[in-house]
Amino acid sequence: MKEKMALQEFEDWIEDSGMESLETVTELLKVQQQGAIELTKLILEHCNEDKKTKDYIFKVYGEALKCVSLELSKDF
């Protein structure tokens, strides 16, 4: 996986790709944030009290992101 893009590279990418690409990135970030909210709600509603820790929630969220990433990479 590629390392994080430097700010200048990101600005160049936006300039080269146009506003439509930036809108796509924005929508992806919205989906990611909504997914985090929904996953957190599920954990809080359905987990045992002893598992409701910040570390556990972030662990589950990280695992969910990996699954989503793998599915998205299959499509491209």
PDB file of N, CA and C in Angstrom:
ATOM      1  N   MET A   1       0.844  -1.180   0.000  1.00  0.00           N
ATOM      2  CA  MET A   1       0.000   0.000   0.000  1.00  0.00           C
ATOM      3  C   MET A   1       0.892   1.247   0.000  1.00  0.00           C
ATOM      4  N   LYS A   2       0.479   2.253  -0.734  1.00  0.00           N
ATOM      5  CA  LYS A   2       1.272   3.470  -0.847  1.00  0.00           C
ATOM      6  C   LYS A   2       1.239   4.254   0.462  1.00  0.00           C
ATOM      7  N   GLU A   3       2.374   4.899   0.768  1.00  0.00           N
ATOM      8  CA  GLU A   3       2.426   5.744   1.957  1.00  0.00           C
ATOM      9  C   GLU A   3       1.505   6.937   1.779  1.00  0.00           C
ATOM     10  N   LYS A   4       1.251   7.634   2.873  1.00  0.00           N
ATOM     11  CA  LYS A   4       0.389   8.811   2.819  1.00  0.00           C
ATOM     12  C   LYS A   4       0.930   9.820   1.817  1.00  0.00           C
ATOM     13  N   MET A   5      -0.001  10.444   1.111  1.00  0.00           N
ATOM     14  CA  MET A   5       0.366  11.429   0.111  1.00  0.00           C
ATOM     15  C   MET A   5       0.775  12.734   0.795  1.00  0.00           C
ATOM     16  N   ALA A   6       1.878  13.302   0.346  1.00  0.00           N
ATOM     17  CA  ALA A   6       2.324  14.591   0.876  1.00  0.00           C
ATOM     18  C   ALA A   6       1.336  15.672   0.444  1.00  0.00           C
ATOM     19  N   LEU A   7       1.289  16.749   1.194  1.00  0.00           N
ATOM     20  CA  LEU A   7       0.352  17.829   0.918  1.00  0.00           C
ATOM     21  C   LEU A   7       0.515  18.357  -0.504  1.00  0.00           C
ATOM     22  N   GLN A   8       1.739  18.564  -0.938  1.00  0.00           N
ATOM     23  CA  GLN A   8       1.966  19.088  -2.288  1.00  0.00           C
ATOM     24  C   GLN A   8       1.473  18.097  -3.346  1.00  0.00           C
ATOM     25  N   GLU A   9       1.720  16.800  -3.115  1.00  0.00           N
ATOM     26  CA  GLU A   9       1.238  15.779  -4.048  1.00  0.00           C
ATOM     27  C   GLU A   9      -0.287  15.796  -4.119  1.00  0.00           C
ATOM     28  N   PHE A  10      -0.913  15.955  -2.952  1.00  0.00           N
ATOM     29  CA  PHE A  10      -2.374  15.983  -2.897  1.00  0.00           C
ATOM     30  C   PHE A  10      -2.906  17.204  -3.649  1.00  0.00           C
ATOM     31  N   GLU A  11      -2.295  18.348  -3.432  1.00  0.00           N
ATOM     32  CA  GLU A  11      -2.713  19.559  -4.141  1.00  0.00           C
ATOM     33  C   GLU A  11      -2.527  19.399  -5.647  1.00  0.00           C
ATOM     34  N   ASP A  12      -1.419  18.786  -6.052  1.00  0.00           N
ATOM     35  CA  ASP A  12      -1.195  18.533  -7.474  1.00  0.00           C
ATOM     36  C   ASP A  12      -2.245  17.575  -8.032  1.00  0.00           C
ATOM     37  N   TRP A  13      -2.571  16.553  -7.268  1.00  0.00           N
ATOM     38  CA  TRP A  13      -3.583  15.582  -7.695  1.00  0.00           C
ATOM     39  C   TRP A  13      -4.928  16.263  -7.893  1.00  0.00           C
ATOM     40  N   ILE A  14      -5.310  17.139  -6.952  1.00  0.00           N
ATOM     41  CA  ILE A  14      -6.578  17.866  -7.072  1.00  0.00           C
ATOM     42  C   ILE A  14      -6.565  18.729  -8.330  1.00  0.00           C
ATOM     43  N   GLU A  15      -5.449  19.418  -8.548  1.00  0.00           N
ATOM     44  CA  GLU A  15      -5.336  20.290  -9.716  1.00  0.00           C
ATOM     45  C   GLU A  15      -5.422  19.484 -11.012  1.00  0.00           C
ATOM     46  N   ASP A  16      -4.760  18.341 -11.046  1.00  0.00           N
ATOM     47  CA  ASP A  16      -4.755  17.494 -12.239  1.00  0.00           C
ATOM     48  C   ASP A  16      -6.088  16.778 -12.453  1.00  0.00           C
ATOM     49  N   SER A  17      -6.723  16.376 -11.372  1.00  0.00           N
ATOM     50  CA  SER A  17      -7.920  15.544 -11.466  1.00  0.00           C
ATOM     51  C   SER A  17      -9.206  16.335 -11.581  1.00  0.00           C
ATOM     52  N   GLY A  18      -9.168  17.576 -11.169  1.00  0.00           N
ATOM     53  CA  GLY A  18     -10.359  18.405 -11.267  1.00  0.00           C
ATOM     54  C   GLY A  18     -11.263  18.277 -10.056  1.00  0.00           C
ATOM     55  N   MET A  19     -12.289  19.108 -10.066  1.00  0.00           N
ATOM     56  CA  MET A  19     -13.198  19.199  -8.927  1.00  0.00           C
ATOM     57  C   MET A  19     -14.025  17.933  -8.746  1.00  0.00           C
ATOM     58  N   GLU A  20     -14.319  17.234  -9.821  1.00  0.00           N
ATOM     59  CA  GLU A  20     -15.128  16.022  -9.715  1.00  0.00           C
ATOM     60  C   GLU A  20     -14.449  14.977  -8.833  1.00  0.00           C
ATOM     61  N   SER A  21     -13.136  14.841  -8.962  1.00  0.00           N
ATOM     62  CA  SER A  21     -12.398  13.885  -8.141  1.00  0.00           C
ATOM     63  C   SER A  21     -12.414  14.295  -6.677  1.00  0.00           C
ATOM     64  N   LEU A  22     -12.307  15.592  -6.428  1.00  0.00           N
ATOM     65  CA  LEU A  22     -12.355  16.082  -5.056  1.00  0.00           C
ATOM     66  C   LEU A  22     -13.724  15.806  -4.438  1.00  0.00           C
ATOM     67  N   GLU A  23     -14.774  15.960  -5.214  1.00  0.00           N
ATOM     68  CA  GLU A  23     -16.125  15.659  -4.725  1.00  0.00           C
ATOM     69  C   GLU A  23     -16.258  14.173  -4.408  1.00  0.00           C
ATOM     70  N   THR A  24     -15.640  13.323  -5.215  1.00  0.00           N
ATOM     71  CA  THR A  24     -15.665  11.889  -4.957  1.00  0.00           C
ATOM     72  C   THR A  24     -14.962  11.563  -3.650  1.00  0.00           C
ATOM     73  N   VAL A  25     -13.806  12.175  -3.431  1.00  0.00           N
ATOM     74  CA  VAL A  25     -13.065  11.954  -2.184  1.00  0.00           C
ATOM     75  C   VAL A  25     -13.899  12.419  -0.993  1.00  0.00           C
ATOM     76  N   THR A  26     -14.552  13.554  -1.140  1.00  0.00           N
ATOM     77  CA  THR A  26     -15.397  14.084  -0.065  1.00  0.00           C
ATOM     78  C   THR A  26     -16.521  13.108   0.266  1.00  0.00           C
ATOM     79  N   GLU A  27     -17.158  12.561  -0.765  1.00  0.00           N
ATOM     80  CA  GLU A  27     -18.230  11.592  -0.536  1.00  0.00           C
ATOM     81  C   GLU A  27     -17.718  10.332   0.138  1.00  0.00           C
ATOM     82  N   LEU A  28     -16.540   9.874  -0.261  1.00  0.00           N
ATOM     83  CA  LEU A  28     -15.955   8.698   0.382  1.00  0.00           C
ATOM     84  C   LEU A  28     -15.677   8.951   1.862  1.00  0.00           C
ATOM     85  N   LEU A  29     -15.196  10.146   2.174  1.00  0.00           N
ATOM     86  CA  LEU A  29     -14.945  10.481   3.583  1.00  0.00           C
ATOM     87  C   LEU A  29     -16.246  10.520   4.376  1.00  0.00           C
ATOM     88  N   LYS A  30     -17.309  11.033   3.771  1.00  0.00           N
ATOM     89  CA  LYS A  30     -18.614  11.052   4.443  1.00  0.00           C
ATOM     90  C   LYS A  30     -19.088   9.633   4.729  1.00  0.00           C
ATOM     91  N   VAL A  31     -18.931   8.744   3.751  1.00  0.00           N
ATOM     92  CA  VAL A  31     -19.339   7.345   3.935  1.00  0.00           C
ATOM     93  C   VAL A  31     -18.519   6.704   5.042  1.00  0.00           C
ATOM     94  N   GLN A  32     -17.218   6.977   5.054  1.00  0.00           N
ATOM     95  CA  GLN A  32     -16.349   6.421   6.086  1.00  0.00           C
ATOM     96  C   GLN A  32     -16.768   6.898   7.478  1.00  0.00           C
ATOM     97  N   GLN A  33     -17.048   8.184   7.600  1.00  0.00           N
ATOM     98  CA  GLN A  33     -17.455   8.732   8.896  1.00  0.00           C
ATOM     99  C   GLN A  33     -18.802   8.169   9.333  1.00  0.00           C
ATOM    100  N   GLN A  34     -19.742   8.046   8.416  1.00  0.00           N
ATOM    101  CA  GLN A  34     -21.052   7.489   8.763  1.00  0.00           C
ATOM    102  C   GLN A  34     -20.899   6.031   9.179  1.00  0.00           C
ATOM    103  N   GLY A  35     -20.014   5.311   8.491  1.00  0.00           N
ATOM    104  CA  GLY A  35     -19.749   3.925   8.873  1.00  0.00           C
ATOM    105  C   GLY A  35     -19.198   3.830  10.277  1.00  0.00           C
ATOM    106  N   ALA A  36     -18.310   4.738  10.631  1.00  0.00           N
ATOM    107  CA  ALA A  36     -17.744   4.749  11.984  1.00  0.00           C
ATOM    108  C   ALA A  36     -18.830   5.000  13.019  1.00  0.00           C
ATOM    109  N   ILE A  37     -19.725   5.915  12.722  1.00  0.00           N
ATOM    110  CA  ILE A  37     -20.820   6.224  13.650  1.00  0.00           C
ATOM    111  C   ILE A  37     -21.729   5.015  13.827  1.00  0.00           C
ATOM    112  N   GLU A  38     -22.109   4.399  12.708  1.00  0.00           N
ATOM    113  CA  GLU A  38     -23.015   3.244  12.775  1.00  0.00           C
ATOM    114  C   GLU A  38     -22.367   2.061  13.479  1.00  0.00           C
ATOM    115  N   LEU A  39     -21.091   1.816  13.193  1.00  0.00           N
ATOM    116  CA  LEU A  39     -20.396   0.719  13.854  1.00  0.00           C
ATOM    117  C   LEU A  39     -20.287   0.966  15.350  1.00  0.00           C
ATOM    118  N   THR A  40     -20.002   2.182  15.746  1.00  0.00           N
ATOM    119  CA  THR A  40     -19.925   2.513  17.164  1.00  0.00           C
ATOM    120  C   THR A  40     -21.274   2.298  17.842  1.00  0.00           C
ATOM    121  N   LYS A  41     -22.351   2.704  17.182  1.00  0.00           N
ATOM    122  CA  LYS A  41     -23.694   2.475  17.738  1.00  0.00           C
ATOM    123  C   LYS A  41     -23.948   0.982  17.941  1.00  0.00           C
ATOM    124  N   LEU A  42     -23.591   0.168  16.946  1.00  0.00           N
ATOM    125  CA  LEU A  42     -23.800  -1.277  17.069  1.00  0.00           C
ATOM    126  C   LEU A  42     -23.009  -1.859  18.230  1.00  0.00           C
ATOM    127  N   ILE A  43     -21.766  -1.424  18.364  1.00  0.00           N
ATOM    128  CA  ILE A  43     -20.934  -1.927  19.460  1.00  0.00           C
ATOM    129  C   ILE A  43     -21.554  -1.542  20.800  1.00  0.00           C
ATOM    130  N   LEU A  44     -21.967  -0.296  20.928  1.00  0.00           N
ATOM    131  CA  LEU A  44     -22.530   0.166  22.194  1.00  0.00           C
ATOM    132  C   LEU A  44     -23.845  -0.535  22.523  1.00  0.00           C
ATOM    133  N   GLU A  45     -24.631  -0.867  21.502  1.00  0.00           N
ATOM    134  CA  GLU A  45     -25.914  -1.517  21.732  1.00  0.00           C
ATOM    135  C   GLU A  45     -25.792  -3.005  22.014  1.00  0.00           C
ATOM    136  N   HIS A  46     -24.803  -3.688  21.414  1.00  0.00           N
ATOM    137  CA  HIS A  46     -24.795  -5.142  21.428  1.00  0.00           C
ATOM    138  C   HIS A  46     -23.621  -5.807  22.134  1.00  0.00           C
ATOM    139  N   CYS A  47     -22.623  -5.065  22.547  1.00  0.00           N
ATOM    140  CA  CYS A  47     -21.465  -5.673  23.204  1.00  0.00           C
ATOM    141  C   CYS A  47     -21.694  -5.813  24.700  1.00  0.00           C
ATOM    142  N   ASN A  48     -21.008  -6.787  25.256  1.00  0.00           N
ATOM    143  CA  ASN A  48     -21.010  -6.941  26.705  1.00  0.00           C
ATOM    144  C   ASN A  48     -20.363  -5.713  27.331  1.00  0.00           C
ATOM    145  N   GLU A  49     -20.764  -5.395  28.524  1.00  0.00           N
ATOM    146  CA  GLU A  49     -20.225  -4.215  29.212  1.00  0.00           C
ATOM    147  C   GLU A  49     -18.705  -4.247  29.325  1.00  0.00           C
ATOM    148  N   ASP A  50     -18.129  -5.435  29.525  1.00  0.00           N
ATOM    149  CA  ASP A  50     -16.680  -5.510  29.691  1.00  0.00           C
ATOM    150  C   ASP A  50     -15.910  -5.252  28.395  1.00  0.00           C
ATOM    151  N   LYS A  51     -16.590  -5.304  27.237  1.00  0.00           N
ATOM    152  CA  LYS A  51     -15.920  -5.054  25.959  1.00  0.00           C
ATOM    153  C   LYS A  51     -16.105  -3.627  25.467  1.00  0.00           C
ATOM    154  N   LYS A  52     -16.888  -2.839  26.148  1.00  0.00           N
ATOM    155  CA  LYS A  52     -17.159  -1.472  25.700  1.00  0.00           C
ATOM    156  C   LYS A  52     -16.025  -0.534  26.110  1.00  0.00           C
ATOM    157  N   THR A  53     -14.880  -0.737  25.478  1.00  0.00           N
ATOM    158  CA  THR A  53     -13.748   0.135  25.729  1.00  0.00           C
ATOM    159  C   THR A  53     -13.378   0.852  24.430  1.00  0.00           C
ATOM    160  N   LYS A  54     -12.693   1.949  24.568  1.00  0.00           N
ATOM    161  CA  LYS A  54     -12.255   2.697  23.395  1.00  0.00           C
ATOM    162  C   LYS A  54     -11.367   1.824  22.510  1.00  0.00           C
ATOM    163  N   ASP A  55     -10.465   1.077  23.113  1.00  0.00           N
ATOM    164  CA  ASP A  55      -9.563   0.225  22.338  1.00  0.00           C
ATOM    165  C   ASP A  55     -10.328  -0.830  21.548  1.00  0.00           C
ATOM    166  N   TYR A  56     -11.335  -1.427  22.179  1.00  0.00           N
ATOM    167  CA  TYR A  56     -12.129  -2.451  21.494  1.00  0.00           C
ATOM    168  C   TYR A  56     -12.897  -1.848  20.323  1.00  0.00           C
ATOM    169  N   ILE A  57     -13.507  -0.688  20.537  1.00  0.00           N
ATOM    170  CA  ILE A  57     -14.276  -0.037  19.473  1.00  0.00           C
ATOM    171  C   ILE A  57     -13.369   0.281  18.291  1.00  0.00           C
ATOM    172  N   PHE A  58     -12.174   0.835  18.547  1.00  0.00           N
ATOM    173  CA  PHE A  58     -11.254   1.160  17.460  1.00  0.00           C
ATOM    174  C   PHE A  58     -10.707  -0.098  16.786  1.00  0.00           C
ATOM    175  N   LYS A  59     -10.531  -1.164  17.554  1.00  0.00           N
ATOM    176  CA  LYS A  59     -10.074  -2.426  16.970  1.00  0.00           C
ATOM    177  C   LYS A  59     -11.117  -2.953  15.985  1.00  0.00           C
ATOM    178  N   VAL A  60     -12.375  -2.976  16.405  1.00  0.00           N
ATOM    179  CA  VAL A  60     -13.442  -3.452  15.533  1.00  0.00           C
ATOM    180  C   VAL A  60     -13.573  -2.541  14.315  1.00  0.00           C
ATOM    181  N   TYR A  61     -13.491  -1.240  14.521  1.00  0.00           N
ATOM    182  CA  TYR A  61     -13.579  -0.294  13.411  1.00  0.00           C
ATOM    183  C   TYR A  61     -12.437  -0.516  12.416  1.00  0.00           C
ATOM    184  N   GLY A  62     -11.239  -0.734  12.919  1.00  0.00           N
ATOM    185  CA  GLY A  62     -10.094  -1.003  12.046  1.00  0.00           C
ATOM    186  C   GLY A  62     -10.293  -2.267  11.223  1.00  0.00           C
ATOM    187  N   GLU A  63     -10.827  -3.306  11.863  1.00  0.00           N
ATOM    188  CA  GLU A  63     -11.099  -4.545  11.148  1.00  0.00           C
ATOM    189  C   GLU A  63     -12.171  -4.337  10.078  1.00  0.00           C
ATOM    190  N   ALA A  64     -13.178  -3.553  10.399  1.00  0.00           N
ATOM    191  CA  ALA A  64     -14.233  -3.266   9.428  1.00  0.00           C
ATOM    192  C   ALA A  64     -13.679  -2.491   8.239  1.00  0.00           C
ATOM    193  N   LEU A  65     -12.798  -1.521   8.498  1.00  0.00           N
ATOM    194  CA  LEU A  65     -12.187  -0.761   7.404  1.00  0.00           C
ATOM    195  C   LEU A  65     -11.350  -1.655   6.496  1.00  0.00           C
ATOM    196  N   LYS A  66     -10.649  -2.608   7.087  1.00  0.00           N
ATOM    197  CA  LYS A  66      -9.862  -3.540   6.273  1.00  0.00           C
ATOM    198  C   LYS A  66     -10.776  -4.346   5.353  1.00  0.00           C
ATOM    199  N   CYS A  67     -11.909  -4.808   5.889  1.00  0.00           N
ATOM    200  CA  CYS A  67     -12.863  -5.571   5.075  1.00  0.00           C
ATOM    201  C   CYS A  67     -13.403  -4.722   3.924  1.00  0.00           C
ATOM    202  N   VAL A  68     -13.777  -3.503   4.218  1.00  0.00           N
ATOM    203  CA  VAL A  68     -14.291  -2.595   3.188  1.00  0.00           C
ATOM    204  C   VAL A  68     -13.207  -2.331   2.151  1.00  0.00           C
ATOM    205  N   SER A  69     -11.995  -2.096   2.596  1.00  0.00           N
ATOM    206  CA  SER A  69     -10.878  -1.822   1.692  1.00  0.00           C
ATOM    207  C   SER A  69     -10.635  -3.014   0.758  1.00  0.00           C
ATOM    208  N   LEU A  70     -10.678  -4.222   1.299  1.00  0.00           N
ATOM    209  CA  LEU A  70     -10.483  -5.404   0.472  1.00  0.00           C
ATOM    210  C   LEU A  70     -11.587  -5.533  -0.575  1.00  0.00           C
ATOM    211  N   GLU A  71     -12.818  -5.257  -0.170  1.00  0.00           N
ATOM    212  CA  GLU A  71     -13.926  -5.338  -1.119  1.00  0.00           C
ATOM    213  C   GLU A  71     -13.800  -4.287  -2.202  1.00  0.00           C
ATOM    214  N   LEU A  72     -13.415  -3.066  -1.827  1.00  0.00           N
ATOM    215  CA  LEU A  72     -13.245  -2.008  -2.810  1.00  0.00           C
ATOM    216  C   LEU A  72     -12.108  -2.310  -3.774  1.00  0.00           C
ATOM    217  N   SER A  73     -11.037  -2.910  -3.272  1.00  0.00           N
ATOM    218  CA  SER A  73      -9.907  -3.210  -4.147  1.00  0.00           C
ATOM    219  C   SER A  73     -10.268  -4.311  -5.153  1.00  0.00           C
ATOM    220  N   LYS A  74     -11.222  -5.160  -4.832  1.00  0.00           N
ATOM    221  CA  LYS A  74     -11.684  -6.187  -5.775  1.00  0.00           C
ATOM    222  C   LYS A  74     -12.418  -5.550  -6.950  1.00  0.00           C
ATOM    223  N   ASP A  75     -13.079  -4.421  -6.687  1.00  0.00           N
ATOM    224  CA  ASP A  75     -13.852  -3.753  -7.724  1.00  0.00           C
ATOM    225  C   ASP A  75     -12.983  -2.978  -8.706  1.00  0.00           C
ATOM    226  N   PHE A  76     -11.745  -2.633  -8.306  1.00  0.00           N
ATOM    227  CA  PHE A  76     -10.888  -1.813  -9.151  1.00  0.00           C
ATOM    228  C   PHE A  76      -9.759  -2.582  -9.713  1.00  0.00           C
TER     229      PHE A  76
END
